[in-house]
Amino acid sequence: MSNTTTSKLTQIFRAVRLILHIISGLAQSAIYPRLSQPAQKNMSKNWSVGLLSILSIRLRLSGALPDAKDQPVMLVANHVSWLDVYSLITVCPSRFVAKSEIRGWPFLGWLSRNVGTLFIERKKITDIVRINQDISNALTTGDLVAIFPEGTTSDGTTVKKFHASLLQSAVAVEATIYPVAIRYHDTSGELSKAPVYVDVSLLESIGQILQQPWIEVELIFADPVNSSGKNRQELARTTQQIITNTLSPQMSPHKEPEKPSYLPVE
């Protein structure tokens, strides 16, 4: 991992730009619900592009993006950082499923609420029925919906067990699923630990990112999976294996049963 860091002055400059950008996002999000769906997607994409630019996040994209004819479409990705959300939005504006605690985050929580994030109460197993209905409704009205079936973030060196709960909505509407593999590299080309969102606060995470000269986020869109005729467990196993194989042929899927941070156990 690269030991190169930016100067304090550069970090301060980026932080000021970030604060102004968040304020701009809050102002935009106030009118977001009143806009047409295409305008909403354009607004969220432009704001996310600006965010990555301020944080010096370079995007590398491979694979084919979802085709309009494939609707309804769900994105299924591994989860490393809160940056995953904005990285995906820059190329494929989507609505995301997130744990309800994010609503309490300073600034970004309010922003997430206003732009249509679908929140799940992770302590209520019964909430899975409601959230699946909300996802199904979003999919059938033309929104792309993105989920992180691991239910929590990893350090980027492994793919944790995919939980099938939220994939029931894809089964219900026969959505086309696009597996997306996400990884981050530092200036030396090694896996970057700076964006990893494990055991740190949001502010600490931002501080780690600001210290880096730049970070590359790689989004790899695998071939789509047709959910027709499959159950949610099959889809979970299939997408987990695809993403694991895409990131590294030697990487083993995480098979230990565990309760994720915001998904109830199936």
C-alpha atoms as a PDB file:
ATOM      1  CA  MET A   1       0.000   0.000   0.000  1.00  0.00           C
ATOM      2  CA  SER A   2       1.308   3.459  -0.897  1.00  0.00           C
ATOM      3  CA  ASN A   3       2.558   5.592   1.987  1.00  0.00           C
ATOM      4  CA  THR A   4       2.237   8.797  -0.020  1.00  0.00           C
ATOM      5  CA  THR A   5      -0.097  11.365   1.512  1.00  0.00           C
ATOM      6  CA  THR A   6      -1.224  14.822   0.510  1.00  0.00           C
ATOM      7  CA  SER A   7      -0.122  17.998   2.288  1.00  0.00           C
ATOM      8  CA  LYS A   8      -2.213  19.461   5.114  1.00  0.00           C
ATOM      9  CA  LEU A   9      -2.994  22.479   2.949  1.00  0.00           C
ATOM     10  CA  THR A  10      -4.341  20.263   0.172  1.00  0.00           C
ATOM     11  CA  GLN A  11      -6.410  18.294   2.655  1.00  0.00           C
ATOM     12  CA  ILE A  12      -7.925  21.493   4.069  1.00  0.00           C
ATOM     13  CA  PHE A  13      -8.678  22.793   0.574  1.00  0.00           C
ATOM     14  CA  ARG A  14     -10.424  19.546  -0.338  1.00  0.00           C
ATOM     15  CA  ALA A  15     -12.353  19.544   2.945  1.00  0.00           C
ATOM     16  CA  VAL A  16     -13.660  23.064   2.317  1.00  0.00           C
ATOM     17  CA  ARG A  17     -14.714  22.119  -1.204  1.00  0.00           C
ATOM     18  CA  LEU A  18     -16.402  18.999   0.186  1.00  0.00           C
ATOM     19  CA  ILE A  19     -18.400  20.997   2.736  1.00  0.00           C
ATOM     20  CA  LEU A  20     -19.571  23.432   0.055  1.00  0.00           C
ATOM     21  CA  HIS A  21     -20.489  20.528  -2.221  1.00  0.00           C
ATOM     22  CA  ILE A  22     -22.540  18.878   0.527  1.00  0.00           C
ATOM     23  CA  ILE A  23     -24.355  22.157   1.184  1.00  0.00           C
ATOM     24  CA  SER A  24     -25.087  22.382  -2.535  1.00  0.00           C
ATOM     25  CA  GLY A  25     -26.387  18.824  -2.450  1.00  0.00           C
ATOM     26  CA  LEU A  26     -28.683  19.587   0.463  1.00  0.00           C
ATOM     27  CA  ALA A  27     -30.135  22.535  -1.434  1.00  0.00           C
ATOM     28  CA  GLN A  28     -30.636  20.427  -4.557  1.00  0.00           C
ATOM     29  CA  SER A  29     -32.189  17.587  -2.604  1.00  0.00           C
ATOM     30  CA  ALA A  30     -34.922  19.916  -1.361  1.00  0.00           C
ATOM     31  CA  ILE A  31     -36.344  20.142  -4.892  1.00  0.00           C
ATOM     32  CA  TYR A  32     -35.347  16.612  -5.927  1.00  0.00           C
ATOM     33  CA  PRO A  33     -38.709  14.964  -5.095  1.00  0.00           C
ATOM     34  CA  ARG A  34     -40.515  17.461  -7.370  1.00  0.00           C
ATOM     35  CA  LEU A  35     -38.431  16.655 -10.442  1.00  0.00           C
ATOM     36  CA  SER A  36     -39.150  14.154 -13.208  1.00  0.00           C
ATOM     37  CA  GLN A  37     -37.394  10.794 -13.011  1.00  0.00           C
ATOM     38  CA  PRO A  38     -34.864  11.677 -15.785  1.00  0.00           C
ATOM     39  CA  ALA A  39     -34.090  14.995 -14.085  1.00  0.00           C
ATOM     40  CA  GLN A  40     -33.608  13.251 -10.747  1.00  0.00           C
ATOM     41  CA  LYS A  41     -31.154  10.800 -12.282  1.00  0.00           C
ATOM     42  CA  ASN A  42     -29.231  13.595 -13.975  1.00  0.00           C
ATOM     43  CA  MET A  43     -29.037  15.616 -10.758  1.00  0.00           C
ATOM     44  CA  SER A  44     -27.816  12.712  -8.636  1.00  0.00           C
ATOM     45  CA  LYS A  45     -25.278  11.697 -11.285  1.00  0.00           C
ATOM     46  CA  ASN A  46     -23.827  15.206 -11.604  1.00  0.00           C
ATOM     47  CA  TRP A  47     -23.577  15.625  -7.835  1.00  0.00           C
ATOM     48  CA  SER A  48     -21.849  12.254  -7.439  1.00  0.00           C
ATOM     49  CA  VAL A  49     -19.388  13.062 -10.251  1.00  0.00           C
ATOM     50  CA  GLY A  50     -18.541  16.282  -8.401  1.00  0.00           C
ATOM     51  CA  LEU A  51     -18.071  14.432  -5.122  1.00  0.00           C
ATOM     52  CA  LEU A  52     -15.626  11.935  -6.611  1.00  0.00           C
ATOM     53  CA  SER A  53     -13.714  14.769  -8.279  1.00  0.00           C
ATOM     54  CA  ILE A  54     -13.326  16.669  -5.008  1.00  0.00           C
ATOM     55  CA  LEU A  55     -12.100  13.529  -3.226  1.00  0.00           C
ATOM     56  CA  SER A  56      -9.727  12.700  -6.116  1.00  0.00           C
ATOM     57  CA  ILE A  57     -11.461   9.409  -6.806  1.00  0.00           C
ATOM     58  CA  ARG A  58     -10.639   8.117 -10.279  1.00  0.00           C
ATOM     59  CA  LEU A  59     -13.187   5.826 -11.867  1.00  0.00           C
ATOM     60  CA  ARG A  60     -12.332   2.792 -13.985  1.00  0.00           C
ATOM     61  CA  LEU A  61     -15.279   1.063 -15.607  1.00  0.00           C
ATOM     62  CA  SER A  62     -15.473  -2.251 -17.430  1.00  0.00           C
ATOM     63  CA  GLY A  63     -18.298  -4.420 -18.667  1.00  0.00           C
ATOM     64  CA  ALA A  64     -21.626  -3.450 -20.173  1.00  0.00           C
ATOM     65  CA  LEU A  65     -23.994  -1.124 -18.336  1.00  0.00           C
ATOM     66  CA  PRO A  66     -27.679  -2.051 -18.022  1.00  0.00           C
ATOM     67  CA  ASP A  67     -29.664  -1.715 -21.208  1.00  0.00           C
ATOM     68  CA  ALA A  68     -32.984   0.140 -21.173  1.00  0.00           C
ATOM     69  CA  LYS A  69     -34.670  -2.925 -22.668  1.00  0.00           C
ATOM     70  CA  ASP A  70     -33.693  -4.988 -19.611  1.00  0.00           C
ATOM     71  CA  GLN A  71     -36.030  -3.168 -17.220  1.00  0.00           C
ATOM     72  CA  PRO A  72     -36.763  -3.812 -14.433  1.00  0.00           C
ATOM     73  CA  VAL A  73     -33.092  -3.826 -13.371  1.00  0.00           C
ATOM     74  CA  MET A  74     -31.405  -4.457 -10.026  1.00  0.00           C
ATOM     75  CA  LEU A  75     -27.714  -3.927  -9.317  1.00  0.00           C
ATOM     76  CA  VAL A  76     -26.102  -6.341  -6.857  1.00  0.00           C
ATOM     77  CA  ALA A  77     -22.645  -5.401  -5.589  1.00  0.00           C
ATOM     78  CA  ASN A  78     -20.071  -6.215  -2.951  1.00  0.00           C
ATOM     79  CA  HIS A  79     -19.683  -3.513  -0.312  1.00  0.00           C
ATOM     80  CA  VAL A  80     -16.412  -1.879   0.745  1.00  0.00           C
ATOM     81  CA  SER A  81     -17.133   1.800   1.410  1.00  0.00           C
ATOM     82  CA  TRP A  82     -19.798   4.480   1.562  1.00  0.00           C
ATOM     83  CA  LEU A  83     -18.128   5.646  -1.655  1.00  0.00           C
ATOM     84  CA  ASP A  84     -19.612   2.585  -3.388  1.00  0.00           C
ATOM     85  CA  VAL A  85     -22.965   4.352  -3.578  1.00  0.00           C
ATOM     86  CA  TYR A  86     -21.714   7.510  -5.264  1.00  0.00           C
ATOM     87  CA  SER A  87     -19.358   5.609  -7.546  1.00  0.00           C
ATOM     88  CA  LEU A  88     -22.260   3.553  -8.874  1.00  0.00           C
ATOM     89  CA  ILE A  89     -24.471   6.622  -9.267  1.00  0.00           C
ATOM     90  CA  THR A  90     -21.894   8.296 -11.525  1.00  0.00           C
ATOM     91  CA  VAL A  91     -22.376   5.576 -14.142  1.00  0.00           C
ATOM     92  CA  CYS A  92     -25.785   4.153 -13.278  1.00  0.00           C
ATOM     93  CA  PRO A  93     -28.103   6.420 -11.224  1.00  0.00           C
ATOM     94  CA  SER A  94     -29.997   4.149  -8.847  1.00  0.00           C
ATOM     95  CA  ARG A  95     -31.959   4.052  -5.634  1.00  0.00           C
ATOM     96  CA  PHE A  96     -30.195   2.279  -2.796  1.00  0.00           C
ATOM     97  CA  VAL A  97     -31.281   0.201   0.151  1.00  0.00           C
ATOM     98  CA  ALA A  98     -29.556   1.307   3.341  1.00  0.00           C
ATOM     99  CA  LYS A  99     -29.762   0.699   7.068  1.00  0.00           C
ATOM    100  CA  SER A 100     -32.056   3.136   8.850  1.00  0.00           C
ATOM    101  CA  GLU A 101     -29.205   4.449  11.020  1.00  0.00           C
ATOM    102  CA  ILE A 102     -27.859   6.356   8.008  1.00  0.00           C
ATOM    103  CA  ARG A 103     -30.802   8.728   8.344  1.00  0.00           C
ATOM    104  CA  GLY A 104     -29.078  10.085  11.454  1.00  0.00           C
ATOM    105  CA  TRP A 105     -25.779  10.846   9.757  1.00  0.00           C
ATOM    106  CA  PRO A 106     -24.922  14.561   9.656  1.00  0.00           C
ATOM    107  CA  PHE A 107     -25.755  16.125   6.273  1.00  0.00           C
ATOM    108  CA  LEU A 108     -25.468  12.919   4.247  1.00  0.00           C
ATOM    109  CA  GLY A 109     -28.354  11.370   6.185  1.00  0.00           C
ATOM    110  CA  TRP A 110     -30.732  14.181   5.276  1.00  0.00           C
ATOM    111  CA  LEU A 111     -29.435  14.116   1.720  1.00  0.00           C
ATOM    112  CA  SER A 112     -30.071  10.363   1.493  1.00  0.00           C
ATOM    113  CA  ARG A 113     -33.638  10.751   2.749  1.00  0.00           C
ATOM    114  CA  ASN A 114     -34.457  13.439   0.211  1.00  0.00           C
ATOM    115  CA  VAL A 115     -33.158  11.536  -2.816  1.00  0.00           C
ATOM    116  CA  GLY A 116     -35.271   8.447  -2.276  1.00  0.00           C
ATOM    117  CA  THR A 117     -33.015   6.039  -0.422  1.00  0.00           C
ATOM    118  CA  LEU A 118     -34.973   2.993   0.741  1.00  0.00           C
ATOM    119  CA  PHE A 119     -34.300   2.463   4.435  1.00  0.00           C
ATOM    120  CA  ILE A 120     -34.652  -0.805   6.315  1.00  0.00           C
ATOM    121  CA  GLU A 121     -35.044  -1.230  10.079  1.00  0.00           C
ATOM    122  CA  ARG A 122     -32.371  -3.825  10.706  1.00  0.00           C
ATOM    123  CA  LYS A 123     -33.709  -4.740  14.168  1.00  0.00           C
ATOM    124  CA  LYS A 124     -37.120  -5.633  12.785  1.00  0.00           C
ATOM    125  CA  ILE A 125     -37.171  -8.933  10.935  1.00  0.00           C
ATOM    126  CA  THR A 126     -40.721  -8.186   9.844  1.00  0.00           C
ATOM    127  CA  ASP A 127     -39.540  -5.079   8.009  1.00  0.00           C
ATOM    128  CA  ILE A 128     -38.197  -7.264   5.200  1.00  0.00           C
ATOM    129  CA  VAL A 129     -41.726  -7.647   3.808  1.00  0.00           C
ATOM    130  CA  ARG A 130     -42.231  -3.883   3.617  1.00  0.00           C
ATOM    131  CA  ILE A 131     -38.814  -3.133   2.101  1.00  0.00           C
ATOM    132  CA  ASN A 132     -39.226  -5.831  -0.548  1.00  0.00           C
ATOM    133  CA  GLN A 133     -42.554  -4.292  -1.543  1.00  0.00           C
ATOM    134  CA  ASP A 134     -40.932  -0.843  -1.716  1.00  0.00           C
ATOM    135  CA  ILE A 135     -38.135  -2.224  -3.906  1.00  0.00           C
ATOM    136  CA  SER A 136     -40.630  -3.985  -6.181  1.00  0.00           C
ATOM    137  CA  ASN A 137     -42.604  -0.763  -6.574  1.00  0.00           C
ATOM    138  CA  ALA A 138     -39.448   1.183  -7.425  1.00  0.00           C
ATOM    139  CA  LEU A 139     -38.349  -1.425  -9.975  1.00  0.00           C
ATOM    140  CA  THR A 140     -41.700  -1.520 -11.727  1.00  0.00           C
ATOM    141  CA  THR A 141     -41.839   2.291 -12.026  1.00  0.00           C
ATOM    142  CA  GLY A 142     -38.532   2.441 -13.904  1.00  0.00           C
ATOM    143  CA  ASP A 143     -36.032   3.030 -11.099  1.00  0.00           C
ATOM    144  CA  LEU A 144     -32.842   1.016 -10.938  1.00  0.00           C
ATOM    145  CA  VAL A 145     -32.374  -0.307  -7.422  1.00  0.00           C
ATOM    146  CA  ALA A 146     -28.955  -1.253  -6.014  1.00  0.00           C
ATOM    147  CA  ILE A 147     -28.415  -3.539  -3.039  1.00  0.00           C
ATOM    148  CA  PHE A 148     -25.393  -4.806  -1.107  1.00  0.00           C
ATOM    149  CA  PRO A 149     -26.386  -8.357  -0.081  1.00  0.00           C
ATOM    150  CA  GLU A 150     -23.423  -8.729   2.279  1.00  0.00           C
ATOM    151  CA  GLY A 151     -25.367  -6.354   4.517  1.00  0.00           C
ATOM    152  CA  THR A 152     -22.152  -4.820   5.832  1.00  0.00           C
ATOM    153  CA  THR A 153     -18.832  -3.570   4.513  1.00  0.00           C
ATOM    154  CA  SER A 154     -15.706  -5.702   4.102  1.00  0.00           C
ATOM    155  CA  ASP A 155     -12.046  -4.744   3.928  1.00  0.00           C
ATOM    156  CA  GLY A 156     -12.042  -5.415   0.195  1.00  0.00           C
ATOM    157  CA  THR A 157      -9.976  -8.604   0.392  1.00  0.00           C
ATOM    158  CA  THR A 158     -12.943 -10.973   0.582  1.00  0.00           C
ATOM    159  CA  VAL A 159     -16.560 -11.234  -0.454  1.00  0.00           C
ATOM    160  CA  LYS A 160     -18.785 -12.033   2.495  1.00  0.00           C
ATOM    161  CA  LYS A 161     -21.852 -14.233   2.429  1.00  0.00           C
ATOM    162  CA  PHE A 162     -24.660 -12.821   0.295  1.00  0.00           C
ATOM    163  CA  HIS A 163     -27.987 -12.813   2.133  1.00  0.00           C
ATOM    164  CA  ALA A 164     -30.971 -13.511  -0.068  1.00  0.00           C
ATOM    165  CA  SER A 165     -33.661 -11.481   1.715  1.00  0.00           C
ATOM    166  CA  LEU A 166     -33.737  -8.431  -0.563  1.00  0.00           C
ATOM    167  CA  LEU A 167     -33.494 -10.522  -3.712  1.00  0.00           C
ATOM    168  CA  GLN A 168     -37.081 -11.616  -3.197  1.00  0.00           C
ATOM    169  CA  SER A 169     -38.163  -8.342  -4.819  1.00  0.00           C
ATOM    170  CA  ALA A 170     -36.166  -9.208  -7.943  1.00  0.00           C
ATOM    171  CA  VAL A 171     -37.879 -12.607  -8.072  1.00  0.00           C
ATOM    172  CA  ALA A 172     -41.299 -10.993  -7.637  1.00  0.00           C
ATOM    173  CA  VAL A 173     -40.928  -8.674 -10.652  1.00  0.00           C
ATOM    174  CA  GLU A 174     -38.564 -10.926 -12.654  1.00  0.00           C
ATOM    175  CA  ALA A 175     -35.876  -8.237 -12.705  1.00  0.00           C
ATOM    176  CA  THR A 176     -32.650  -8.522 -14.650  1.00  0.00           C
ATOM    177  CA  ILE A 177     -29.790  -8.535 -12.160  1.00  0.00           C
ATOM    178  CA  TYR A 178     -26.423  -6.966 -12.938  1.00  0.00           C
ATOM    179  CA  PRO A 179     -23.649  -8.162 -10.594  1.00  0.00           C
ATOM    180  CA  VAL A 180     -21.108  -5.385  -9.980  1.00  0.00           C
ATOM    181  CA  ALA A 181     -17.666  -6.041  -8.505  1.00  0.00           C
ATOM    182  CA  ILE A 182     -16.133  -3.063  -6.672  1.00  0.00           C
ATOM    183  CA  ARG A 183     -12.529  -2.573  -5.577  1.00  0.00           C
ATOM    184  CA  TYR A 184     -10.221   0.323  -4.785  1.00  0.00           C
ATOM    185  CA  HIS A 185      -6.554   0.845  -5.690  1.00  0.00           C
ATOM    186  CA  ASP A 186      -3.988   3.295  -4.356  1.00  0.00           C
ATOM    187  CA  THR A 187      -1.309   5.168  -6.295  1.00  0.00           C
ATOM    188  CA  SER A 188       0.959   2.101  -6.310  1.00  0.00           C
ATOM    189  CA  GLY A 189      -1.743  -0.092  -7.837  1.00  0.00           C
ATOM    190  CA  GLU A 190      -2.314  -2.076  -4.649  1.00  0.00           C
ATOM    191  CA  LEU A 191      -5.685  -2.524  -2.952  1.00  0.00           C
ATOM    192  CA  SER A 192      -6.388   0.692  -1.065  1.00  0.00           C
ATOM    193  CA  LYS A 193      -7.444   0.522   2.580  1.00  0.00           C
ATOM    194  CA  ALA A 194      -8.282   4.232   2.758  1.00  0.00           C
ATOM    195  CA  PRO A 195     -11.904   3.914   1.565  1.00  0.00           C
ATOM    196  CA  VAL A 196     -12.643   0.841   3.685  1.00  0.00           C
ATOM    197  CA  TYR A 197     -15.551   1.663   5.998  1.00  0.00           C
ATOM    198  CA  VAL A 198     -14.972  -0.767   8.854  1.00  0.00           C
ATOM    199  CA  ASP A 199     -14.645   0.256  12.519  1.00  0.00           C
ATOM    200  CA  VAL A 200     -14.336   3.967  11.687  1.00  0.00           C
ATOM    201  CA  SER A 201     -16.719   6.912  11.877  1.00  0.00           C
ATOM    202  CA  LEU A 202     -17.830   8.731   8.756  1.00  0.00           C
ATOM    203  CA  LEU A 203     -15.603  11.712   9.589  1.00  0.00           C
ATOM    204  CA  GLU A 204     -12.610   9.431  10.192  1.00  0.00           C
ATOM    205  CA  SER A 205     -13.272   7.729   6.882  1.00  0.00           C
ATOM    206  CA  ILE A 206     -13.426  11.049   5.042  1.00  0.00           C
ATOM    207  CA  GLY A 207     -10.165  12.069   6.707  1.00  0.00           C
ATOM    208  CA  GLN A 208      -8.445   8.897   5.505  1.00  0.00           C
ATOM    209  CA  ILE A 209      -9.635   9.522   1.957  1.00  0.00           C
ATOM    210  CA  LEU A 210      -8.562  13.176   1.970  1.00  0.00           C
ATOM    211  CA  GLN A 211      -5.020  12.122   2.875  1.00  0.00           C
ATOM    212  CA  GLN A 212      -4.585  10.166  -0.354  1.00  0.00           C
ATOM    213  CA  PRO A 213      -3.208  11.835  -3.523  1.00  0.00           C
ATOM    214  CA  TRP A 214      -5.866   9.892  -5.411  1.00  0.00           C
ATOM    215  CA  ILE A 215      -7.746   6.616  -5.233  1.00  0.00           C
ATOM    216  CA  GLU A 216      -8.997   4.516  -8.115  1.00  0.00           C
ATOM    217  CA  VAL A 217     -12.382   2.867  -7.821  1.00  0.00           C
ATOM    218  CA  GLU A 218     -12.932   0.031 -10.250  1.00  0.00           C
ATOM    219  CA  LEU A 219     -16.472  -0.974 -11.194  1.00  0.00           C
ATOM    220  CA  ILE A 220     -16.759  -4.219 -13.115  1.00  0.00           C
ATOM    221  CA  PHE A 221     -20.199  -4.971 -14.532  1.00  0.00           C
ATOM    222  CA  ALA A 222     -20.572  -8.709 -15.125  1.00  0.00           C
ATOM    223  CA  ASP A 223     -22.995 -10.311 -17.535  1.00  0.00           C
ATOM    224  CA  PRO A 224     -26.606  -9.922 -16.391  1.00  0.00           C
ATOM    225  CA  VAL A 225     -28.491 -12.681 -14.605  1.00  0.00           C
ATOM    226  CA  ASN A 226     -32.114 -13.374 -15.493  1.00  0.00           C
ATOM    227  CA  SER A 227     -34.092 -13.910 -12.296  1.00  0.00           C
ATOM    228  CA  SER A 228     -37.003 -15.594 -14.063  1.00  0.00           C
ATOM    229  CA  GLY A 229     -37.514 -19.144 -12.781  1.00  0.00           C
ATOM    230  CA  LYS A 230     -34.969 -18.742  -9.960  1.00  0.00           C
ATOM    231  CA  ASN A 231     -35.484 -18.341  -6.238  1.00  0.00           C
ATOM    232  CA  ARG A 232     -33.735 -15.790  -4.053  1.00  0.00           C
ATOM    233  CA  GLN A 233     -31.236 -18.282  -2.606  1.00  0.00           C
ATOM    234  CA  GLU A 234     -30.112 -19.283  -6.094  1.00  0.00           C
ATOM    235  CA  LEU A 235     -29.690 -15.645  -7.054  1.00  0.00           C
ATOM    236  CA  ALA A 236     -27.679 -14.924  -3.909  1.00  0.00           C
ATOM    237  CA  ARG A 237     -25.309 -17.840  -4.537  1.00  0.00           C
ATOM    238  CA  THR A 238     -24.951 -17.044  -8.230  1.00  0.00           C
ATOM    239  CA  THR A 239     -24.244 -13.326  -7.837  1.00  0.00           C
ATOM    240  CA  GLN A 240     -21.848 -13.910  -4.943  1.00  0.00           C
ATOM    241  CA  GLN A 241     -19.838 -16.388  -6.984  1.00  0.00           C
ATOM    242  CA  ILE A 242     -19.780 -14.130 -10.035  1.00  0.00           C
ATOM    243  CA  ILE A 243     -18.484 -11.177  -8.038  1.00  0.00           C
ATOM    244  CA  THR A 244     -15.961 -13.324  -6.167  1.00  0.00           C
ATOM    245  CA  ASN A 245     -14.614 -14.767  -9.411  1.00  0.00           C
ATOM    246  CA  THR A 246     -14.519 -11.340 -11.027  1.00  0.00           C
ATOM    247  CA  LEU A 247     -12.468  -9.798  -8.242  1.00  0.00           C
ATOM    248  CA  SER A 248     -10.039 -12.681  -8.033  1.00  0.00           C
ATOM    249  CA  PRO A 249     -10.131 -16.292  -9.225  1.00  0.00           C
ATOM    250  CA  GLN A 250      -8.386 -17.247  -5.988  1.00  0.00           C
ATOM    251  CA  MET A 251     -10.734 -15.329  -3.704  1.00  0.00           C
ATOM    252  CA  SER A 252     -13.000 -17.612  -1.707  1.00  0.00           C
ATOM    253  CA  PRO A 253     -16.560 -16.620  -0.861  1.00  0.00           C
ATOM    254  CA  HIS A 254     -17.257 -16.085   2.816  1.00  0.00           C
ATOM    255  CA  LYS A 255     -19.371 -19.068   3.846  1.00  0.00           C
ATOM    256  CA  GLU A 256     -19.739 -18.667   7.590  1.00  0.00           C
ATOM    257  CA  PRO A 257     -23.309 -17.912   8.613  1.00  0.00           C
ATOM    258  CA  GLU A 258     -23.496 -14.440  10.099  1.00  0.00           C
ATOM    259  CA  LYS A 259     -26.119 -11.820  10.707  1.00  0.00           C
ATOM    260  CA  PRO A 260     -25.372  -8.764   8.590  1.00  0.00           C
ATOM    261  CA  SER A 261     -25.572  -5.222   9.861  1.00  0.00           C
ATOM    262  CA  TYR A 262     -28.926  -4.397   8.326  1.00  0.00           C
ATOM    263  CA  LEU A 263     -30.443  -7.504   6.796  1.00  0.00           C
ATOM    264  CA  PRO A 264     -32.523  -9.972   8.735  1.00  0.00           C
ATOM    265  CA  VAL A 265     -31.502 -13.593   8.452  1.00  0.00           C
ATOM    266  CA  GLU A 266     -33.595 -15.406   5.841  1.00  0.00           C
END
